[in-house]
């Protein structure tokens, strides 16, 4: 699955299928009953060349970015 990331160094966005789960992912329920995926993923950045860690709850939904 392709996810959308923003480089914290350059501020440029990019999509990647080459990301890794760090540790465990958990599904938590918010106060409205919605589900939130909590955890960390890492992706290699094509803009600065570094590997960045991203909190899953901060990532944009790939379906909403595609207009679905």
N, C-alpha and C. Protein backbone atom coordinates (compact mmCIF):
# COMPACT_ATOMS: atom_id res chain seq x y z
N UNK A 1 0.85 -1.17 0.00
CA UNK A 1 0.00 0.00 0.00
C UNK A 1 0.90 1.24 0.00
N UNK A 2 0.54 2.16 -0.84
CA UNK A 2 1.28 3.41 -0.94
C UNK A 2 0.76 4.38 0.12
N UNK A 3 1.69 4.96 0.89
CA UNK A 3 1.33 5.95 1.90
C UNK A 3 1.95 7.30 1.52
N UNK A 4 1.37 8.36 2.03
CA UNK A 4 1.84 9.72 1.76
C UNK A 4 2.61 10.23 2.97
N UNK A 5 3.82 10.74 2.72
CA UNK A 5 4.69 11.25 3.78
C UNK A 5 5.12 12.68 3.42
N UNK A 6 5.55 13.42 4.44
CA UNK A 6 6.14 14.74 4.23
C UNK A 6 7.51 14.73 4.88
N UNK A 7 8.53 15.08 4.10
CA UNK A 7 9.90 15.12 4.62
C UNK A 7 10.01 16.22 5.68
N UNK A 8 10.46 15.89 6.89
CA UNK A 8 10.58 16.91 7.93
C UNK A 8 11.74 17.87 7.69
N UNK A 9 12.64 17.52 6.79
CA UNK A 9 13.79 18.38 6.48
C UNK A 9 13.45 19.39 5.39
N UNK A 10 12.85 18.92 4.30
CA UNK A 10 12.57 19.80 3.15
C UNK A 10 11.14 20.28 3.09
N UNK A 11 10.22 19.58 3.79
CA UNK A 11 8.81 19.93 3.75
C UNK A 11 8.10 19.44 2.49
N UNK A 12 8.79 18.66 1.66
CA UNK A 12 8.20 18.15 0.43
C UNK A 12 7.49 16.83 0.68
N UNK A 13 6.34 16.64 0.04
CA UNK A 13 5.58 15.42 0.18
C UNK A 13 6.02 14.37 -0.82
N UNK A 14 5.79 13.11 -0.48
CA UNK A 14 6.07 12.01 -1.40
C UNK A 14 5.24 10.80 -1.00
N UNK A 15 4.99 9.92 -1.96
CA UNK A 15 4.32 8.66 -1.68
C UNK A 15 5.32 7.54 -1.80
N UNK A 16 5.09 6.47 -1.03
CA UNK A 16 6.00 5.34 -1.06
C UNK A 16 5.28 4.07 -0.64
N UNK A 17 5.62 2.98 -1.31
CA UNK A 17 5.18 1.65 -0.89
C UNK A 17 6.25 0.98 -0.05
N UNK A 18 7.42 1.59 0.02
CA UNK A 18 8.57 1.01 0.73
C UNK A 18 8.71 1.61 2.12
N UNK A 19 7.79 1.22 3.00
CA UNK A 19 7.84 1.66 4.40
C UNK A 19 7.84 0.43 5.29
N UNK A 20 8.31 0.61 6.53
CA UNK A 20 8.43 -0.49 7.48
C UNK A 20 7.72 -0.14 8.78
N UNK A 21 7.08 -1.13 9.35
CA UNK A 21 6.47 -0.97 10.68
C UNK A 21 7.57 -1.08 11.72
N UNK A 22 7.58 -0.14 12.66
CA UNK A 22 8.54 -0.16 13.77
C UNK A 22 7.78 -0.59 15.02
N UNK A 23 8.15 -1.71 15.61
CA UNK A 23 7.43 -2.19 16.78
C UNK A 23 6.09 -2.77 16.39
N UNK A 24 5.06 -2.41 17.16
CA UNK A 24 3.71 -2.94 16.93
C UNK A 24 2.75 -1.84 16.55
N UNK A 25 1.74 -2.20 15.78
CA UNK A 25 0.63 -1.30 15.49
C UNK A 25 -0.55 -1.71 16.35
N UNK A 26 -1.30 -0.74 16.85
CA UNK A 26 -2.49 -1.01 17.65
C UNK A 26 -3.65 -0.20 17.12
N UNK A 27 -4.85 -0.72 17.28
CA UNK A 27 -6.06 0.01 16.92
C UNK A 27 -6.70 0.47 18.23
N UNK A 28 -6.90 1.77 18.33
CA UNK A 28 -7.55 2.34 19.52
C UNK A 28 -8.84 3.02 19.08
N UNK A 29 -9.76 3.10 20.02
CA UNK A 29 -11.03 3.75 19.75
C UNK A 29 -11.01 5.15 20.36
N UNK A 30 -11.45 6.16 19.59
CA UNK A 30 -11.52 7.51 20.13
C UNK A 30 -12.84 7.71 20.87
N UNK A 31 -13.04 8.89 21.44
CA UNK A 31 -14.24 9.13 22.26
C UNK A 31 -15.53 9.11 21.45
N UNK A 32 -15.42 9.27 20.13
CA UNK A 32 -16.61 9.22 19.27
C UNK A 32 -16.87 7.82 18.71
N UNK A 33 -16.03 6.86 19.08
CA UNK A 33 -16.20 5.49 18.60
C UNK A 33 -15.45 5.18 17.33
N UNK A 34 -14.72 6.16 16.81
CA UNK A 34 -13.91 5.93 15.61
C UNK A 34 -12.64 5.17 15.95
N UNK A 35 -12.10 4.52 14.97
CA UNK A 35 -10.87 3.75 15.19
C UNK A 35 -9.66 4.52 14.68
N UNK A 36 -8.57 4.43 15.46
CA UNK A 36 -7.32 5.11 15.13
C UNK A 36 -6.21 4.07 15.16
N UNK A 37 -5.40 4.03 14.10
CA UNK A 37 -4.24 3.15 14.06
C UNK A 37 -3.08 3.88 14.71
N UNK A 38 -2.51 3.27 15.75
CA UNK A 38 -1.44 3.90 16.51
C UNK A 38 -0.18 3.06 16.39
N UNK A 39 0.91 3.72 16.06
CA UNK A 39 2.19 3.06 15.93
C UNK A 39 3.15 3.94 15.15
N UNK A 40 4.23 3.33 14.68
CA UNK A 40 5.26 4.07 13.96
C UNK A 40 5.67 3.31 12.71
N UNK A 41 5.85 4.04 11.63
CA UNK A 41 6.41 3.47 10.41
C UNK A 41 7.62 4.31 10.00
N UNK A 42 8.54 3.67 9.29
CA UNK A 42 9.72 4.36 8.76
C UNK A 42 9.70 4.28 7.24
N UNK A 43 10.19 5.34 6.62
CA UNK A 43 10.29 5.36 5.16
C UNK A 43 11.56 6.11 4.77
N UNK A 44 12.20 5.64 3.72
CA UNK A 44 13.37 6.31 3.18
C UNK A 44 12.90 7.49 2.34
N UNK A 45 13.44 8.65 2.58
CA UNK A 45 13.01 9.88 1.92
C UNK A 45 13.76 10.09 0.61
N UNK A 46 13.02 10.26 -0.49
CA UNK A 46 13.69 10.51 -1.77
C UNK A 46 14.24 11.94 -1.90
N UNK A 47 13.82 12.83 -1.01
CA UNK A 47 14.25 14.23 -1.10
C UNK A 47 15.56 14.50 -0.38
N UNK A 48 15.73 13.93 0.82
CA UNK A 48 16.96 14.20 1.57
C UNK A 48 17.81 12.94 1.78
N UNK A 49 17.25 11.76 1.44
CA UNK A 49 18.01 10.51 1.53
C UNK A 49 18.02 9.87 2.90
N UNK A 50 17.43 10.53 3.90
CA UNK A 50 17.41 9.98 5.26
C UNK A 50 16.20 9.06 5.45
N UNK A 51 16.25 8.25 6.49
CA UNK A 51 15.10 7.44 6.89
C UNK A 51 14.39 8.19 8.01
N UNK A 52 13.11 8.46 7.82
CA UNK A 52 12.33 9.19 8.81
C UNK A 52 11.30 8.27 9.45
N UNK A 53 11.01 8.51 10.72
CA UNK A 53 9.97 7.78 11.44
C UNK A 53 8.73 8.67 11.52
N UNK A 54 7.57 8.07 11.27
CA UNK A 54 6.30 8.80 11.27
C UNK A 54 5.30 8.09 12.17
N UNK A 55 4.59 8.85 12.98
CA UNK A 55 3.50 8.30 13.78
C UNK A 55 2.34 8.01 12.83
N UNK A 56 1.76 6.82 12.92
CA UNK A 56 0.69 6.43 11.99
C UNK A 56 -0.51 7.37 12.08
N UNK A 57 -0.82 7.84 13.26
CA UNK A 57 -1.99 8.70 13.42
C UNK A 57 -1.79 10.08 12.78
N UNK A 58 -0.57 10.42 12.38
CA UNK A 58 -0.30 11.69 11.73
C UNK A 58 -0.28 11.58 10.20
N UNK A 59 -0.34 10.36 9.67
CA UNK A 59 -0.30 10.17 8.23
C UNK A 59 -1.66 10.41 7.61
N UNK A 60 -1.66 10.95 6.40
CA UNK A 60 -2.91 11.17 5.67
C UNK A 60 -3.40 9.82 5.15
N UNK A 61 -4.70 9.63 5.16
CA UNK A 61 -5.29 8.43 4.62
C UNK A 61 -5.03 8.40 3.12
N UNK A 62 -4.45 7.31 2.60
CA UNK A 62 -4.15 7.26 1.16
C UNK A 62 -5.43 7.30 0.30
N UNK A 63 -6.55 6.83 0.81
CA UNK A 63 -7.79 6.87 0.06
C UNK A 63 -8.33 8.30 -0.04
N UNK A 64 -8.19 9.08 1.02
CA UNK A 64 -8.68 10.45 0.98
C UNK A 64 -7.79 11.30 0.08
N UNK A 65 -6.50 10.98 -0.01
CA UNK A 65 -5.59 11.72 -0.89
C UNK A 65 -5.91 11.41 -2.34
N UNK A 66 -6.47 10.22 -2.61
CA UNK A 66 -6.80 9.85 -3.97
C UNK A 66 -8.19 10.33 -4.38
N UNK A 67 -8.90 10.96 -3.45
CA UNK A 67 -10.24 11.46 -3.74
C UNK A 67 -11.32 10.40 -3.70
N UNK A 68 -11.04 9.28 -3.04
CA UNK A 68 -12.01 8.18 -2.96
C UNK A 68 -12.91 8.35 -1.76
